[in-house]
Amino acid sequence: MAKVFVTDYQYEADVSVFKVSNEWDADLKVFVTDNQWDADNNDEIWYYVDSNFDATSKIFWVNSVLDADIKVFFVDSSMDAGWTRGNNWQNRL
């Protein structure tokens, strides 16, 4: 389940994330939904929440790929979303 809260401080985050511009560089291709139920049991479908208490994952956007736990690329369809390679965060978001 990926109900995501974006934190302003890296020390508060569960995972550090870097947005890549090329899908082939991504560990995870992400689809953002407006329906929280679509995010159930899916690392690749994100629903943004306003409270860290409602989140299954707290993320921090990093400015360098070297600081990232996960590299993400945003897609326009849930059918295109998913892990592109193994990662320690798989099934944990």
N, C-alpha and C. Protein backbone atom coordinates (compact mmCIF):
# COMPACT_ATOMS: atom_id res chain seq x y z
N MET A 1 0.85 -1.17 0.00
CA MET A 1 0.00 0.00 0.00
C MET A 1 0.89 1.22 0.00
N ALA A 2 0.64 2.17 -0.89
CA ALA A 2 1.48 3.34 -0.95
C ALA A 2 0.66 4.62 -0.77
N LYS A 3 0.36 4.87 0.47
CA LYS A 3 -0.24 6.15 0.83
C LYS A 3 0.93 7.00 1.31
N VAL A 4 1.26 7.99 0.51
CA VAL A 4 2.54 8.68 0.63
C VAL A 4 2.37 10.07 1.23
N PHE A 5 3.23 10.34 2.21
CA PHE A 5 3.34 11.68 2.78
C PHE A 5 4.73 12.20 2.47
N VAL A 6 4.80 13.41 1.93
CA VAL A 6 6.08 14.03 1.62
C VAL A 6 6.50 14.90 2.79
N THR A 7 7.64 14.58 3.37
CA THR A 7 8.14 15.33 4.51
C THR A 7 9.17 16.36 4.06
N ASP A 8 9.32 17.40 4.84
CA ASP A 8 10.29 18.45 4.53
C ASP A 8 11.68 18.15 5.08
N TYR A 9 11.77 17.10 5.88
CA TYR A 9 13.04 16.79 6.54
C TYR A 9 13.42 15.33 6.29
N GLN A 10 14.63 15.12 5.84
CA GLN A 10 15.07 13.78 5.49
C GLN A 10 15.06 12.84 6.70
N TYR A 11 15.37 13.36 7.87
CA TYR A 11 15.42 12.49 9.06
C TYR A 11 14.04 11.96 9.45
N GLU A 12 12.96 12.60 8.97
CA GLU A 12 11.61 12.13 9.25
C GLU A 12 11.12 11.08 8.25
N ALA A 13 11.83 10.92 7.16
CA ALA A 13 11.38 10.06 6.06
C ALA A 13 11.72 8.60 6.30
N ASP A 14 10.87 7.74 5.76
CA ASP A 14 11.16 6.32 5.72
C ASP A 14 12.11 6.01 4.57
N VAL A 15 11.95 6.75 3.50
CA VAL A 15 12.70 6.47 2.28
C VAL A 15 13.03 7.78 1.55
N SER A 16 14.23 7.84 1.00
CA SER A 16 14.66 9.00 0.20
C SER A 16 14.44 8.66 -1.27
N VAL A 17 13.82 9.60 -2.00
CA VAL A 17 13.40 9.34 -3.37
C VAL A 17 13.96 10.40 -4.30
N PHE A 18 14.39 9.93 -5.48
CA PHE A 18 14.89 10.83 -6.52
C PHE A 18 14.06 10.61 -7.78
N LYS A 19 13.59 11.69 -8.38
CA LYS A 19 12.81 11.60 -9.61
C LYS A 19 13.76 11.64 -10.80
N VAL A 20 13.71 10.60 -11.64
CA VAL A 20 14.54 10.54 -12.83
C VAL A 20 13.73 10.96 -14.05
N SER A 21 14.41 11.43 -15.07
CA SER A 21 13.72 11.90 -16.28
C SER A 21 13.61 10.83 -17.34
N ASN A 22 14.29 9.71 -17.16
CA ASN A 22 14.25 8.61 -18.12
C ASN A 22 13.73 7.36 -17.42
N GLU A 23 12.68 6.76 -17.94
CA GLU A 23 12.08 5.60 -17.27
C GLU A 23 13.05 4.43 -17.13
N TRP A 24 14.04 4.35 -18.01
CA TRP A 24 14.99 3.23 -17.95
C TRP A 24 15.95 3.36 -16.78
N ASP A 25 16.05 4.56 -16.19
CA ASP A 25 16.90 4.77 -15.02
C ASP A 25 16.18 4.50 -13.71
N ALA A 26 14.87 4.30 -13.77
CA ALA A 26 14.04 4.17 -12.57
C ALA A 26 14.09 2.77 -11.97
N ASP A 27 14.04 2.74 -10.63
CA ASP A 27 13.81 1.48 -9.92
C ASP A 27 12.32 1.16 -9.91
N LEU A 28 11.52 2.23 -9.84
CA LEU A 28 10.07 2.10 -9.71
C LEU A 28 9.38 3.10 -10.61
N LYS A 29 8.46 2.61 -11.44
CA LYS A 29 7.62 3.50 -12.24
C LYS A 29 6.32 3.68 -11.46
N VAL A 30 5.96 4.94 -11.20
CA VAL A 30 4.87 5.29 -10.29
C VAL A 30 3.71 5.93 -11.04
N PHE A 31 2.51 5.51 -10.68
CA PHE A 31 1.28 6.15 -11.13
C PHE A 31 0.64 6.80 -9.91
N VAL A 32 0.26 8.07 -10.02
CA VAL A 32 -0.39 8.78 -8.91
C VAL A 32 -1.89 8.75 -9.13
N THR A 33 -2.62 8.33 -8.10
CA THR A 33 -4.07 8.22 -8.18
C THR A 33 -4.75 9.23 -7.27
N ASP A 34 -6.00 9.55 -7.60
CA ASP A 34 -6.82 10.41 -6.75
C ASP A 34 -7.70 9.60 -5.81
N ASN A 35 -7.66 8.27 -5.95
CA ASN A 35 -8.49 7.38 -5.15
C ASN A 35 -7.60 6.57 -4.21
N GLN A 36 -7.77 6.78 -2.91
CA GLN A 36 -6.90 6.09 -1.95
C GLN A 36 -7.03 4.58 -2.01
N TRP A 37 -8.17 4.06 -2.44
CA TRP A 37 -8.36 2.61 -2.49
C TRP A 37 -7.54 1.98 -3.62
N ASP A 38 -7.21 2.75 -4.65
CA ASP A 38 -6.36 2.23 -5.73
C ASP A 38 -4.94 1.95 -5.23
N ALA A 39 -4.55 2.61 -4.17
CA ALA A 39 -3.18 2.48 -3.65
C ALA A 39 -3.01 1.27 -2.75
N ASP A 40 -4.09 0.60 -2.41
CA ASP A 40 -4.00 -0.57 -1.52
C ASP A 40 -3.15 -1.67 -2.16
N ASN A 41 -2.20 -2.15 -1.39
CA ASN A 41 -1.34 -3.28 -1.78
C ASN A 41 -0.54 -3.02 -3.05
N ASN A 42 -0.21 -1.78 -3.32
CA ASN A 42 0.54 -1.44 -4.52
C ASN A 42 1.65 -0.45 -4.20
N ASP A 43 2.89 -0.88 -4.35
CA ASP A 43 4.01 0.05 -4.21
C ASP A 43 4.00 1.07 -5.34
N GLU A 44 3.54 0.65 -6.51
CA GLU A 44 3.66 1.46 -7.70
C GLU A 44 2.54 2.47 -7.91
N ILE A 45 1.48 2.38 -7.14
CA ILE A 45 0.38 3.33 -7.24
C ILE A 45 0.36 4.15 -5.96
N TRP A 46 0.62 5.45 -6.13
CA TRP A 46 0.75 6.33 -4.97
C TRP A 46 -0.49 7.20 -4.83
N TYR A 47 -0.91 7.34 -3.59
CA TYR A 47 -1.95 8.29 -3.20
C TYR A 47 -1.32 9.19 -2.15
N TYR A 48 -1.27 10.49 -2.44
CA TYR A 48 -0.66 11.43 -1.50
C TYR A 48 -1.65 11.78 -0.39
N VAL A 49 -1.17 11.73 0.85
CA VAL A 49 -1.98 12.08 2.01
C VAL A 49 -1.43 13.35 2.65
N ASP A 50 -2.28 14.03 3.39
CA ASP A 50 -1.91 15.31 4.01
C ASP A 50 -1.30 15.16 5.40
N SER A 51 -1.41 13.98 5.97
CA SER A 51 -0.93 13.75 7.33
C SER A 51 0.02 12.56 7.35
N ASN A 52 1.11 12.70 8.08
CA ASN A 52 2.04 11.57 8.19
C ASN A 52 1.41 10.40 8.94
N PHE A 53 0.37 10.66 9.73
CA PHE A 53 -0.30 9.59 10.47
C PHE A 53 -1.15 8.71 9.56
N ASP A 54 -1.57 9.24 8.40
CA ASP A 54 -2.36 8.48 7.45
C ASP A 54 -1.49 7.74 6.43
N ALA A 55 -0.19 7.99 6.45
CA ALA A 55 0.71 7.46 5.44
C ALA A 55 1.19 6.05 5.76
N THR A 56 1.41 5.29 4.70
CA THR A 56 2.11 4.02 4.85
C THR A 56 3.60 4.23 4.62
N SER A 57 3.95 5.32 3.93
CA SER A 57 5.35 5.67 3.67
C SER A 57 5.52 7.17 3.73
N LYS A 58 6.59 7.58 4.41
CA LYS A 58 6.96 9.00 4.43
C LYS A 58 8.20 9.12 3.55
N ILE A 59 8.11 10.01 2.54
CA ILE A 59 9.24 10.15 1.62
C ILE A 59 9.84 11.54 1.71
N PHE A 60 11.09 11.61 1.31
CA PHE A 60 11.79 12.88 1.20
C PHE A 60 12.41 12.92 -0.19
N TRP A 61 12.14 13.99 -0.94
CA TRP A 61 12.72 14.16 -2.27
C TRP A 61 14.16 14.65 -2.12
N VAL A 62 15.10 13.88 -2.64
CA VAL A 62 16.50 14.27 -2.59
C VAL A 62 16.90 14.91 -3.91
N ASN A 63 17.97 15.70 -3.87
CA ASN A 63 18.43 16.42 -5.06
C ASN A 63 19.52 15.68 -5.82
N SER A 64 19.99 14.59 -5.29
CA SER A 64 21.04 13.82 -5.93
C SER A 64 20.67 12.35 -5.97
N VAL A 65 20.88 11.73 -7.10
CA VAL A 65 20.60 10.30 -7.24
C VAL A 65 21.44 9.49 -6.27
N LEU A 66 22.59 10.00 -5.89
CA LEU A 66 23.48 9.29 -4.97
C LEU A 66 22.89 9.20 -3.56
N ASP A 67 21.97 10.10 -3.22
CA ASP A 67 21.36 10.11 -1.90
C ASP A 67 20.05 9.32 -1.84
N ALA A 68 19.62 8.76 -2.97
CA ALA A 68 18.31 8.13 -3.06
C ALA A 68 18.32 6.66 -2.68
N ASP A 69 17.26 6.25 -1.97
CA ASP A 69 16.99 4.83 -1.75
C ASP A 69 16.28 4.24 -2.97
N ILE A 70 15.43 5.07 -3.58
CA ILE A 70 14.64 4.66 -4.74
C ILE A 70 14.67 5.76 -5.79
N LYS A 71 14.82 5.36 -7.05
CA LYS A 71 14.71 6.28 -8.18
C LYS A 71 13.36 6.01 -8.84
N VAL A 72 12.54 7.07 -8.99
CA VAL A 72 11.20 6.89 -9.54
C VAL A 72 11.02 7.67 -10.84
N PHE A 73 10.12 7.15 -11.65
CA PHE A 73 9.69 7.80 -12.87
C PHE A 73 8.17 7.75 -12.87
N PHE A 74 7.52 8.88 -13.12
CA PHE A 74 6.06 8.94 -13.09
C PHE A 74 5.48 8.60 -14.46
N VAL A 75 4.48 7.72 -14.46
CA VAL A 75 3.82 7.28 -15.69
C VAL A 75 2.37 7.74 -15.68
N ASP A 76 1.76 7.72 -16.88
CA ASP A 76 0.39 8.21 -17.04
C ASP A 76 -0.68 7.13 -16.89
N SER A 77 -0.26 5.89 -16.78
CA SER A 77 -1.21 4.78 -16.69
C SER A 77 -0.78 3.81 -15.60
N SER A 78 -1.75 3.31 -14.85
CA SER A 78 -1.44 2.33 -13.81
C SER A 78 -0.89 1.04 -14.42
N MET A 79 -1.24 0.77 -15.67
CA MET A 79 -0.75 -0.44 -16.35
C MET A 79 0.75 -0.37 -16.62
N ASP A 80 1.31 0.84 -16.69
CA ASP A 80 2.73 1.02 -16.96
C ASP A 80 3.57 1.07 -15.68
N ALA A 81 2.90 1.12 -14.53
CA ALA A 81 3.59 1.27 -13.25
C ALA A 81 4.12 -0.07 -12.75
N GLY A 82 5.23 -0.01 -11.99
CA GLY A 82 5.76 -1.21 -11.38
C GLY A 82 7.25 -1.12 -11.16
N TRP A 83 7.77 -2.10 -10.45
CA TRP A 83 9.21 -2.18 -10.20
C TRP A 83 9.91 -2.60 -11.48
N THR A 84 11.04 -1.98 -11.76
CA THR A 84 11.80 -2.33 -12.96
C THR A 84 12.96 -3.24 -12.62
N ARG A 85 13.33 -3.26 -11.35
CA ARG A 85 14.43 -4.11 -10.88
C ARG A 85 14.23 -4.32 -9.38
N GLY A 86 14.93 -5.29 -8.84
CA GLY A 86 14.82 -5.56 -7.42
C GLY A 86 15.33 -4.40 -6.59
N ASN A 87 14.73 -4.21 -5.43
CA ASN A 87 15.10 -3.13 -4.53
C ASN A 87 14.73 -3.54 -3.12
N ASN A 88 15.52 -3.11 -2.15
CA ASN A 88 15.22 -3.43 -0.75
C ASN A 88 13.88 -2.90 -0.29
N TRP A 89 13.34 -1.90 -0.96
CA TRP A 89 12.06 -1.30 -0.57
C TRP A 89 10.87 -1.97 -1.24
N GLN A 90 11.11 -2.96 -2.07
CA GLN A 90 10.02 -3.64 -2.75
C GLN A 90 9.06 -4.26 -1.74
N ASN A 91 7.77 -4.00 -1.93
CA ASN A 91 6.69 -4.49 -1.06
C ASN A 91 6.74 -3.87 0.34
N ARG A 92 7.37 -2.71 0.48
CA ARG A 92 7.47 -2.08 1.80
C ARG A 92 6.93 -0.65 1.82
N LEU A 93 6.43 -0.15 0.70
CA LEU A 93 5.96 1.24 0.66
C LEU A 93 4.53 1.34 1.12
